[in-house]
Amino acid sequence: MIRAETIPSCICGSRNFSPVFVYEAPPDGEIQFDFSTSGGYHREVLRCERCGHFISVHEMDDRRLYDGQYVNSTYGQNGLRTAFDRIVSLDPTKSDNQGRVRRILEFSRQHFTADAARGRPSLLDVGSGLCVFPYRMKAEGWDCTALDPDPRSVRHAEEVAGVTGICGDFMAVDIGRTFDLVSFNKVLEHVKNPVDMLAKARNYLKADGFVYVELPDGEAAVYEGPGREEFFIEHHHIFSFASLAVLAAAAGFSATVVERLREPSTKFTLRGFLKPVSPVESPVAWS
């Protein structure tokens, strides 16, 4: 049983949750972390009764998850290059990343006005991991910067993907420049306070820049049961259509476009194109 005082408020402010799943052992396929395999595994997924957002709560000590343990457990000590090569060589119809790049380029063409003085569009990818996304965006002519807390991922970004790398915690570093696009691809669900992280992106956007987010879609995944990867232990948050819009608004953005998709990898995903709030709001395009 999770103690009530350890359950946080939802990102919408509600404290009214309904139980969805209870785990007494890691589900099949979940990454094996030191903190979650040393005994005493108990975890619950709860759903907000107001906005449909899901939270994963437990009392295991995961504070050092991103101090190297995530990369070790996910890719092994030397597996970054192997995983990178496998993904970039995928047939485009089987690649989540190819669809992501295609959709962002399409939105960018509609969003940015033609301006010869703009030069190469710029990207800051937060939590870049394998760096497959910045690598592809660089091939499309973008000036790409990859930020990750693990120095191995940053070396990989620079030496293999060929993009600028910054090592550090996004909430602590001062990047010192602005970008046309800041992206969070499957990142915000991994932090306990996604609102603060998303809000900080405003500091690094050019005047007409935008943010792109991808988040696990709990509303779709829940119907396939507790074994879905969207509900694995590394995800503190699993989103709904409504909670993505709540997240954006709480961080000072307007969710201009929100889309639901089932990716080639079978992940249930919500993606959103967010613009900083201005006096005139655009309607949300739900699809």
C-alpha atoms as a PDB file:
ATOM      1  CA  MET A   1       0.000   0.000   0.000  1.00  0.00           C
ATOM      2  CA  ILE A   2       1.329   3.437  -0.964  1.00  0.00           C
ATOM      3  CA  ARG A   3       1.117   5.955   1.855  1.00  0.00           C
ATOM      4  CA  ALA A   4      -1.355   8.711   1.014  1.00  0.00           C
ATOM      5  CA  GLU A   5       1.114  11.456   1.966  1.00  0.00           C
ATOM      6  CA  THR A   6       3.555  10.261  -0.720  1.00  0.00           C
ATOM      7  CA  ILE A   7       1.016  10.615  -3.534  1.00  0.00           C
ATOM      8  CA  PRO A   8       1.531  13.946  -5.346  1.00  0.00           C
ATOM      9  CA  SER A   9      -1.163  16.177  -6.769  1.00  0.00           C
ATOM     10  CA  CYS A  10      -2.001  15.723 -10.417  1.00  0.00           C
ATOM     11  CA  ILE A  11      -0.605  18.295 -12.850  1.00  0.00           C
ATOM     12  CA  CYS A  12      -4.172  19.680 -13.034  1.00  0.00           C
ATOM     13  CA  GLY A  13      -4.133  20.259  -9.257  1.00  0.00           C
ATOM     14  CA  SER A  14      -6.570  17.505  -8.329  1.00  0.00           C
ATOM     15  CA  ARG A  15      -5.836  14.993  -5.573  1.00  0.00           C
ATOM     16  CA  ASN A  16      -8.653  12.649  -6.514  1.00  0.00           C
ATOM     17  CA  PHE A  17      -7.290   9.467  -8.086  1.00  0.00           C
ATOM     18  CA  SER A  18      -8.720   6.055  -8.893  1.00  0.00           C
ATOM     19  CA  PRO A  19      -6.527   2.923  -8.790  1.00  0.00           C
ATOM     20  CA  VAL A  20      -5.792   1.356 -12.176  1.00  0.00           C
ATOM     21  CA  PHE A  21      -2.948  -1.179 -11.806  1.00  0.00           C
ATOM     22  CA  VAL A  22      -1.007  -2.640  -8.866  1.00  0.00           C
ATOM     23  CA  TYR A  23       2.385  -4.323  -9.376  1.00  0.00           C
ATOM     24  CA  GLU A  24       4.095  -6.580  -6.846  1.00  0.00           C
ATOM     25  CA  ALA A  25       6.941  -7.457  -9.235  1.00  0.00           C
ATOM     26  CA  PRO A  26       8.389  -5.856 -12.376  1.00  0.00           C
ATOM     27  CA  PRO A  27       6.168  -6.617 -15.376  1.00  0.00           C
ATOM     28  CA  ASP A  28       7.646  -8.543 -18.290  1.00  0.00           C
ATOM     29  CA  GLY A  29       9.803  -6.308 -20.457  1.00  0.00           C
ATOM     30  CA  GLU A  30      10.420  -3.605 -17.854  1.00  0.00           C
ATOM     31  CA  ILE A  31      14.047  -2.460 -17.651  1.00  0.00           C
ATOM     32  CA  GLN A  32      15.839  -4.070 -14.700  1.00  0.00           C
ATOM     33  CA  PHE A  33      17.222  -1.281 -12.511  1.00  0.00           C
ATOM     34  CA  ASP A  34      19.251  -1.833  -9.347  1.00  0.00           C
ATOM     35  CA  PHE A  35      16.706  -0.049  -7.175  1.00  0.00           C
ATOM     36  CA  SER A  36      13.744  -2.032  -8.541  1.00  0.00           C
ATOM     37  CA  THR A  37      15.266  -5.515  -8.401  1.00  0.00           C
ATOM     38  CA  SER A  38      16.662  -5.546  -4.870  1.00  0.00           C
ATOM     39  CA  GLY A  39      13.415  -6.754  -3.302  1.00  0.00           C
ATOM     40  CA  GLY A  40      10.257  -5.166  -1.978  1.00  0.00           C
ATOM     41  CA  TYR A  41       8.809  -4.117  -5.339  1.00  0.00           C
ATOM     42  CA  HIS A  42       5.413  -2.471  -4.936  1.00  0.00           C
ATOM     43  CA  ARG A  43       4.056   0.099  -7.365  1.00  0.00           C
ATOM     44  CA  GLU A  44       0.652   1.517  -8.258  1.00  0.00           C
ATOM     45  CA  VAL A  45      -0.696   3.359 -11.282  1.00  0.00           C
ATOM     46  CA  LEU A  46      -3.438   5.832 -10.432  1.00  0.00           C
ATOM     47  CA  ARG A  47      -5.712   7.857 -12.725  1.00  0.00           C
ATOM     48  CA  CYS A  48      -6.859  11.416 -12.071  1.00  0.00           C
ATOM     49  CA  GLU A  49     -10.629  11.634 -11.907  1.00  0.00           C
ATOM     50  CA  ARG A  50     -10.594  15.189 -13.300  1.00  0.00           C
ATOM     51  CA  CYS A  51      -8.296  15.142 -16.360  1.00  0.00           C
ATOM     52  CA  GLY A  52      -7.605  11.445 -16.949  1.00  0.00           C
ATOM     53  CA  HIS A  53      -3.865  11.767 -16.294  1.00  0.00           C
ATOM     54  CA  PHE A  54      -2.027   8.723 -14.909  1.00  0.00           C
ATOM     55  CA  ILE A  55       0.726   8.709 -12.298  1.00  0.00           C
ATOM     56  CA  SER A  56       3.002   5.853 -11.253  1.00  0.00           C
ATOM     57  CA  VAL A  57       3.774   5.889  -7.528  1.00  0.00           C
ATOM     58  CA  HIS A  58       6.127   3.794  -5.419  1.00  0.00           C
ATOM     59  CA  GLU A  59       8.473   4.192  -2.459  1.00  0.00           C
ATOM     60  CA  MET A  60      11.638   2.730  -3.991  1.00  0.00           C
ATOM     61  CA  ASP A  61      14.725   4.942  -4.114  1.00  0.00           C
ATOM     62  CA  ASP A  62      15.105   5.979  -7.767  1.00  0.00           C
ATOM     63  CA  ARG A  63      16.946   9.256  -7.141  1.00  0.00           C
ATOM     64  CA  ARG A  64      20.081   8.178  -9.029  1.00  0.00           C
ATOM     65  CA  LEU A  65      18.266   6.662 -11.988  1.00  0.00           C
ATOM     66  CA  TYR A  66      19.760   9.115 -14.493  1.00  0.00           C
ATOM     67  CA  ASP A  67      23.267   9.222 -12.999  1.00  0.00           C
ATOM     68  CA  GLY A  68      24.291   6.534 -15.464  1.00  0.00           C
ATOM     69  CA  GLN A  69      22.021   3.700 -14.351  1.00  0.00           C
ATOM     70  CA  TYR A  70      19.437   4.350 -17.085  1.00  0.00           C
ATOM     71  CA  VAL A  71      21.994   4.076 -19.897  1.00  0.00           C
ATOM     72  CA  ASN A  72      23.660   1.051 -18.259  1.00  0.00           C
ATOM     73  CA  SER A  73      20.378  -0.803 -17.846  1.00  0.00           C
ATOM     74  CA  THR A  74      18.896   0.169 -21.211  1.00  0.00           C
ATOM     75  CA  TYR A  75      21.868  -0.138 -23.572  1.00  0.00           C
ATOM     76  CA  GLY A  76      24.635  -1.773 -21.538  1.00  0.00           C
ATOM     77  CA  GLN A  77      28.043  -0.217 -20.994  1.00  0.00           C
ATOM     78  CA  ASN A  78      28.893  -0.048 -24.713  1.00  0.00           C
ATOM     79  CA  GLY A  79      25.542  -0.447 -26.442  1.00  0.00           C
ATOM     80  CA  LEU A  80      24.787   3.127 -27.572  1.00  0.00           C
ATOM     81  CA  ARG A  81      26.441   2.752 -30.972  1.00  0.00           C
ATOM     82  CA  THR A  82      24.866  -0.653 -31.614  1.00  0.00           C
ATOM     83  CA  ALA A  83      21.372   0.629 -30.830  1.00  0.00           C
ATOM     84  CA  PHE A  84      21.963   3.794 -32.874  1.00  0.00           C
ATOM     85  CA  ASP A  85      23.111   1.844 -35.937  1.00  0.00           C
ATOM     86  CA  ARG A  86      20.156  -0.517 -35.697  1.00  0.00           C
ATOM     87  CA  ILE A  87      17.593   2.296 -35.541  1.00  0.00           C
ATOM     88  CA  VAL A  88      19.031   4.501 -38.288  1.00  0.00           C
ATOM     89  CA  SER A  89      19.130   1.486 -40.619  1.00  0.00           C
ATOM     90  CA  LEU A  90      15.436   0.631 -40.136  1.00  0.00           C
ATOM     91  CA  ASP A  91      13.084   0.621 -43.090  1.00  0.00           C
ATOM     92  CA  PRO A  92      11.391   4.074 -42.983  1.00  0.00           C
ATOM     93  CA  THR A  93       7.981   2.437 -42.648  1.00  0.00           C
ATOM     94  CA  LYS A  94       9.157   0.718 -39.444  1.00  0.00           C
ATOM     95  CA  SER A  95      10.857   3.729 -37.855  1.00  0.00           C
ATOM     96  CA  ASP A  96       9.166   5.901 -35.244  1.00  0.00           C
ATOM     97  CA  ASN A  97      11.833   8.522 -35.838  1.00  0.00           C
ATOM     98  CA  GLN A  98      11.221   8.838 -39.573  1.00  0.00           C
ATOM     99  CA  GLY A  99       7.578   9.684 -38.918  1.00  0.00           C
ATOM    100  CA  ARG A 100       8.597  12.190 -36.225  1.00  0.00           C
ATOM    101  CA  VAL A 101      11.031  13.991 -38.522  1.00  0.00           C
ATOM    102  CA  ARG A 102       8.552  14.064 -41.389  1.00  0.00           C
ATOM    103  CA  ARG A 103       5.797  15.543 -39.211  1.00  0.00           C
ATOM    104  CA  ILE A 104       8.059  18.199 -37.658  1.00  0.00           C
ATOM    105  CA  LEU A 105       9.360  19.305 -41.048  1.00  0.00           C
ATOM    106  CA  GLU A 106       5.780  19.584 -42.291  1.00  0.00           C
ATOM    107  CA  PHE A 107       4.768  21.702 -39.292  1.00  0.00           C
ATOM    108  CA  SER A 108       7.885  23.866 -39.625  1.00  0.00           C
ATOM    109  CA  ARG A 109       7.122  24.681 -43.256  1.00  0.00           C
ATOM    110  CA  GLN A 110       3.671  25.877 -42.209  1.00  0.00           C
ATOM    111  CA  HIS A 111       4.879  27.691 -39.085  1.00  0.00           C
ATOM    112  CA  PHE A 112       7.915  29.651 -40.250  1.00  0.00           C
ATOM    113  CA  THR A 113       7.613  32.379 -42.860  1.00  0.00           C
ATOM    114  CA  ALA A 114      10.153  32.370 -45.685  1.00  0.00           C
ATOM    115  CA  ASP A 115      13.085  34.521 -44.572  1.00  0.00           C
ATOM    116  CA  ALA A 116      16.488  34.338 -46.223  1.00  0.00           C
ATOM    117  CA  ALA A 117      18.039  36.015 -43.184  1.00  0.00           C
ATOM    118  CA  ARG A 118      16.939  33.200 -40.871  1.00  0.00           C
ATOM    119  CA  GLY A 119      19.654  30.848 -42.054  1.00  0.00           C
ATOM    120  CA  ARG A 120      19.667  27.210 -40.933  1.00  0.00           C
ATOM    121  CA  PRO A 121      16.830  26.409 -38.516  1.00  0.00           C
ATOM    122  CA  SER A 122      18.070  25.354 -35.088  1.00  0.00           C
ATOM    123  CA  LEU A 123      17.063  22.551 -32.741  1.00  0.00           C
ATOM    124  CA  LEU A 124      17.702  21.838 -29.061  1.00  0.00           C
ATOM    125  CA  ASP A 125      16.802  18.222 -28.268  1.00  0.00           C
ATOM    126  CA  VAL A 126      16.454  17.731 -24.498  1.00  0.00           C
ATOM    127  CA  GLY A 127      17.272  14.249 -23.204  1.00  0.00           C
ATOM    128  CA  SER A 128      18.751  13.198 -26.534  1.00  0.00           C
ATOM    129  CA  GLY A 129      19.781   9.666 -25.514  1.00  0.00           C
ATOM    130  CA  LEU A 130      20.758   7.780 -28.673  1.00  0.00           C
ATOM    131  CA  CYS A 131      20.622  11.044 -30.658  1.00  0.00           C
ATOM    132  CA  VAL A 132      18.832   9.453 -33.617  1.00  0.00           C
ATOM    133  CA  PHE A 133      16.439  12.397 -33.903  1.00  0.00           C
ATOM    134  CA  PRO A 134      19.054  15.216 -34.030  1.00  0.00           C
ATOM    135  CA  TYR A 135      21.102  13.089 -36.429  1.00  0.00           C
ATOM    136  CA  ARG A 136      18.194  12.937 -38.880  1.00  0.00           C
ATOM    137  CA  MET A 137      17.327  16.603 -38.415  1.00  0.00           C
ATOM    138  CA  LYS A 138      20.941  17.538 -39.178  1.00  0.00           C
ATOM    139  CA  ALA A 139      20.641  15.587 -42.428  1.00  0.00           C
ATOM    140  CA  GLU A 140      17.622  17.777 -43.233  1.00  0.00           C
ATOM    141  CA  GLY A 141      19.743  20.900 -42.874  1.00  0.00           C
ATOM    142  CA  TRP A 142      19.093  21.836 -39.248  1.00  0.00           C
ATOM    143  CA  ASP A 143      21.696  23.117 -36.783  1.00  0.00           C
ATOM    144  CA  CYS A 144      21.287  20.593 -33.966  1.00  0.00           C
ATOM    145  CA  THR A 145      22.264  20.590 -30.292  1.00  0.00           C
ATOM    146  CA  ALA A 146      21.757  17.512 -28.094  1.00  0.00           C
ATOM    147  CA  LEU A 147      21.496  17.839 -24.310  1.00  0.00           C
ATOM    148  CA  ASP A 148      21.729  14.825 -22.016  1.00  0.00           C
ATOM    149  CA  PRO A 149      22.769  14.260 -18.367  1.00  0.00           C
ATOM    150  CA  ASP A 150      24.932  11.228 -19.218  1.00  0.00           C
ATOM    151  CA  PRO A 151      28.409  12.083 -20.584  1.00  0.00           C
ATOM    152  CA  ARG A 152      28.447   8.897 -22.674  1.00  0.00           C
ATOM    153  CA  SER A 153      25.345  10.022 -24.544  1.00  0.00           C
ATOM    154  CA  VAL A 154      26.917  13.425 -25.135  1.00  0.00           C
ATOM    155  CA  ARG A 155      30.143  11.912 -26.499  1.00  0.00           C
ATOM    156  CA  HIS A 156      28.004   9.702 -28.715  1.00  0.00           C
ATOM    157  CA  ALA A 157      26.100  12.781 -29.965  1.00  0.00           C
ATOM    158  CA  GLU A 158      29.316  14.527 -30.934  1.00  0.00           C
ATOM    159  CA  GLU A 159      31.405  11.617 -32.209  1.00  0.00           C
ATOM    160  CA  VAL A 160      28.745   9.460 -33.896  1.00  0.00           C
ATOM    161  CA  ALA A 161      25.755  11.695 -34.654  1.00  0.00           C
ATOM    162  CA  GLY A 162      27.959  14.677 -35.474  1.00  0.00           C
ATOM    163  CA  VAL A 163      25.951  17.308 -33.591  1.00  0.00           C
ATOM    164  CA  THR A 164      26.787  19.724 -30.790  1.00  0.00           C
ATOM    165  CA  GLY A 165      26.555  18.074 -27.366  1.00  0.00           C
ATOM    166  CA  ILE A 166      25.857  19.587 -23.948  1.00  0.00           C
ATOM    167  CA  CYS A 167      26.187  17.466 -20.807  1.00  0.00           C
ATOM    168  CA  GLY A 168      24.018  18.416 -17.862  1.00  0.00           C
ATOM    169  CA  ASP A 169      20.650  18.605 -16.180  1.00  0.00           C
ATOM    170  CA  PHE A 170      18.331  20.781 -18.273  1.00  0.00           C
ATOM    171  CA  MET A 171      16.989  22.369 -15.088  1.00  0.00           C
ATOM    172  CA  ALA A 172      20.485  23.413 -13.973  1.00  0.00           C
ATOM    173  CA  VAL A 173      22.441  24.317 -17.122  1.00  0.00           C
ATOM    174  CA  ASP A 174      22.540  27.721 -18.788  1.00  0.00           C
ATOM    175  CA  ILE A 175      22.701  27.054 -22.522  1.00  0.00           C
ATOM    176  CA  GLY A 176      23.240  30.665 -23.496  1.00  0.00           C
ATOM    177  CA  ARG A 177      21.414  30.770 -26.840  1.00  0.00           C
ATOM    178  CA  THR A 178      17.958  30.391 -28.370  1.00  0.00           C
ATOM    179  CA  PHE A 179      16.525  27.953 -30.905  1.00  0.00           C
ATOM    180  CA  ASP A 180      13.744  27.680 -33.456  1.00  0.00           C
ATOM    181  CA  LEU A 181      12.644  24.373 -31.940  1.00  0.00           C
ATOM    182  CA  VAL A 182      13.036  22.768 -28.513  1.00  0.00           C
ATOM    183  CA  SER A 183      12.033  19.100 -28.449  1.00  0.00           C
ATOM    184  CA  PHE A 184      11.165  16.680 -25.652  1.00  0.00           C
ATOM    185  CA  ASN A 185      10.835  13.242 -27.222  1.00  0.00           C
ATOM    186  CA  LYS A 186       9.632  10.774 -24.595  1.00  0.00           C
ATOM    187  CA  VAL A 187      11.321  12.832 -21.864  1.00  0.00           C
ATOM    188  CA  LEU A 188       8.767  14.708 -19.740  1.00  0.00           C
ATOM    189  CA  GLU A 189       7.178  11.497 -18.455  1.00  0.00           C
ATOM    190  CA  HIS A 190      10.510  10.619 -16.801  1.00  0.00           C
ATOM    191  CA  VAL A 191      10.599  13.638 -14.462  1.00  0.00           C
ATOM    192  CA  LYS A 192       8.503  14.254 -11.380  1.00  0.00           C
ATOM    193  CA  ASN A 193       7.732  17.872 -12.304  1.00  0.00           C
ATOM    194  CA  PRO A 194       7.211  18.052 -16.080  1.00  0.00           C
ATOM    195  CA  VAL A 195       5.544  21.485 -15.835  1.00  0.00           C
ATOM    196  CA  ASP A 196       8.721  23.169 -14.570  1.00  0.00           C
ATOM    197  CA  MET A 197      10.870  21.456 -17.190  1.00  0.00           C
ATOM    198  CA  LEU A 198       8.576  22.441 -20.032  1.00  0.00           C
ATOM    199  CA  ALA A 199       8.294  26.006 -18.710  1.00  0.00           C
ATOM    200  CA  LYS A 200      12.076  26.417 -18.816  1.00  0.00           C
ATOM    201  CA  ALA A 201      12.025  25.775 -22.563  1.00  0.00           C
ATOM    202  CA  ARG A 202      10.589  29.274 -23.010  1.00  0.00           C
ATOM    203  CA  ASN A 203      14.033  30.652 -22.075  1.00  0.00           C
ATOM    204  CA  TYR A 204      15.589  28.988 -25.110  1.00  0.00           C
ATOM    205  CA  LEU A 205      13.011  29.751 -27.817  1.00  0.00           C
ATOM    206  CA  LYS A 206      13.393  32.371 -30.486  1.00  0.00           C
ATOM    207  CA  ALA A 207      10.518  34.851 -30.795  1.00  0.00           C
ATOM    208  CA  ASP A 208       8.645  32.648 -33.290  1.00  0.00           C
ATOM    209  CA  GLY A 209       9.964  29.321 -32.039  1.00  0.00           C
ATOM    210  CA  PHE A 210       7.921  26.320 -30.920  1.00  0.00           C
ATOM    211  CA  VAL A 211       8.201  23.236 -28.723  1.00  0.00           C
ATOM    212  CA  TYR A 212       7.554  19.672 -29.846  1.00  0.00           C
ATOM    213  CA  VAL A 213       6.636  17.017 -27.266  1.00  0.00           C
ATOM    214  CA  GLU A 214       5.990  13.299 -27.414  1.00  0.00           C
ATOM    215  CA  LEU A 215       4.368  11.633 -24.414  1.00  0.00           C
ATOM    216  CA  PRO A 216       3.024   8.153 -23.613  1.00  0.00           C
ATOM    217  CA  ASP A 217      -0.711   7.926 -24.255  1.00  0.00           C
ATOM    218  CA  GLY A 218      -2.254   6.283 -21.215  1.00  0.00           C
ATOM    219  CA  GLU A 219      -5.820   6.607 -22.466  1.00  0.00           C
ATOM    220  CA  ALA A 220      -5.067   4.297 -25.395  1.00  0.00           C
ATOM    221  CA  ALA A 221      -2.589   2.004 -23.628  1.00  0.00           C
ATOM    222  CA  VAL A 222      -4.783   1.273 -20.599  1.00  0.00           C
ATOM    223  CA  TYR A 223      -7.087  -0.943 -22.671  1.00  0.00           C
ATOM    224  CA  GLU A 224      -4.217  -3.369 -23.333  1.00  0.00           C
ATOM    225  CA  GLY A 225      -3.531  -3.902 -19.655  1.00  0.00           C
ATOM    226  CA  PRO A 226      -0.755  -3.495 -17.073  1.00  0.00           C
ATOM    227  CA  GLY A 227       1.995  -4.987 -19.229  1.00  0.00           C
ATOM    228  CA  ARG A 228       2.119  -2.012 -21.591  1.00  0.00           C
ATOM    229  CA  GLU A 229       5.485  -0.223 -21.649  1.00  0.00           C
ATOM    230  CA  GLU A 230       3.748   3.133 -21.221  1.00  0.00           C
ATOM    231  CA  PHE A 231       3.196   2.148 -17.577  1.00  0.00           C
ATOM    232  CA  PHE A 232       6.733   0.924 -16.819  1.00  0.00           C
ATOM    233  CA  ILE A 233       8.543   2.154 -13.718  1.00  0.00           C
ATOM    234  CA  GLU A 234      10.697   4.820 -15.395  1.00  0.00           C
ATOM    235  CA  HIS A 235       7.544   6.788 -16.270  1.00  0.00           C
ATOM    236  CA  HIS A 236       6.263   8.958 -13.434  1.00  0.00           C
ATOM    237  CA  HIS A 237       3.530  10.338 -15.713  1.00  0.00           C
ATOM    238  CA  ILE A 238       1.385   8.832 -18.450  1.00  0.00           C
ATOM    239  CA  PHE A 239      -0.775  11.362 -20.259  1.00  0.00           C
ATOM    240  CA  SER A 240      -4.274  11.882 -21.594  1.00  0.00           C
ATOM    241  CA  PHE A 241      -5.424  14.280 -24.320  1.00  0.00           C
ATOM    242  CA  ALA A 242      -6.676  16.600 -21.605  1.00  0.00           C
ATOM    243  CA  SER A 243      -3.573  16.408 -19.423  1.00  0.00           C
ATOM    244  CA  LEU A 244      -1.274  17.247 -22.348  1.00  0.00           C
ATOM    245  CA  ALA A 245      -3.261  20.475 -22.797  1.00  0.00           C
ATOM    246  CA  VAL A 246      -3.146  21.080 -19.023  1.00  0.00           C
ATOM    247  CA  LEU A 247       0.631  20.551 -19.037  1.00  0.00           C
ATOM    248  CA  ALA A 248       1.076  23.034 -21.874  1.00  0.00           C
ATOM    249  CA  ALA A 249      -1.097  25.702 -20.286  1.00  0.00           C
ATOM    250  CA  ALA A 250       0.529  25.339 -16.856  1.00  0.00           C
ATOM    251  CA  ALA A 251       3.960  25.842 -18.461  1.00  0.00           C
ATOM    252  CA  GLY A 252       2.881  28.931 -20.417  1.00  0.00           C
ATOM    253  CA  PHE A 253       2.162  27.376 -23.794  1.00  0.00           C
ATOM    254  CA  SER A 254      -0.771  26.882 -26.099  1.00  0.00           C
ATOM    255  CA  ALA A 255      -1.198  23.359 -27.472  1.00  0.00           C
ATOM    256  CA  THR A 256      -1.744  24.360 -31.092  1.00  0.00           C
ATOM    257  CA  VAL A 257      -1.835  20.809 -32.446  1.00  0.00           C
ATOM    258  CA  VAL A 258      -2.309  17.576 -30.497  1.00  0.00           C
ATOM    259  CA  GLU A 259      -2.255  14.213 -32.258  1.00  0.00           C
ATOM    260  CA  ARG A 260      -2.707  10.620 -31.146  1.00  0.00           C
ATOM    261  CA  LEU A 261      -0.849   7.837 -32.927  1.00  0.00           C
ATOM    262  CA  ARG A 262       0.187   4.201 -32.720  1.00  0.00           C
ATOM    263  CA  GLU A 263       3.808   4.157 -33.783  1.00  0.00           C
ATOM    264  CA  PRO A 264       5.522   1.450 -35.865  1.00  0.00           C
ATOM    265  CA  SER A 265       7.180   0.252 -32.626  1.00  0.00           C
ATOM    266  CA  THR A 266       3.579  -0.203 -31.277  1.00  0.00           C
ATOM    267  CA  LYS A 267       3.986   2.616 -28.716  1.00  0.00           C
ATOM    268  CA  PHE A 268       0.851   4.595 -27.953  1.00  0.00           C
ATOM    269  CA  THR A 269       1.928   8.222 -28.278  1.00  0.00           C
ATOM    270  CA  LEU A 270       0.545  11.723 -27.931  1.00  0.00           C
ATOM    271  CA  ARG A 271       2.457  14.428 -29.760  1.00  0.00           C
ATOM    272  CA  GLY A 272       1.958  18.144 -29.468  1.00  0.00           C
ATOM    273  CA  PHE A 273       3.180  21.313 -31.118  1.00  0.00           C
ATOM    274  CA  LEU A 274       3.269  24.061 -28.503  1.00  0.00           C
ATOM    275  CA  LYS A 275       3.676  27.808 -28.857  1.00  0.00           C
ATOM    276  CA  PRO A 276       4.319  30.284 -26.039  1.00  0.00           C
ATOM    277  CA  VAL A 277       1.109  31.903 -24.895  1.00  0.00           C
ATOM    278  CA  SER A 278       0.326  35.211 -26.596  1.00  0.00           C
ATOM    279  CA  PRO A 279      -2.647  37.591 -26.253  1.00  0.00           C
ATOM    280  CA  VAL A 280      -4.427  35.890 -29.169  1.00  0.00           C
ATOM    281  CA  GLU A 281      -4.817  32.153 -28.675  1.00  0.00           C
ATOM    282  CA  SER A 282      -5.112  29.668 -31.520  1.00  0.00           C
ATOM    283  CA  PRO A 283      -7.651  26.837 -31.245  1.00  0.00           C
ATOM    284  CA  VAL A 284      -6.383  23.352 -30.483  1.00  0.00           C
ATOM    285  CA  ALA A 285      -6.529  21.011 -33.474  1.00  0.00           C
ATOM    286  CA  TRP A 286      -7.552  17.644 -32.007  1.00  0.00           C
ATOM    287  CA  SER A 287      -7.044  14.540 -34.115  1.00  0.00           C
END
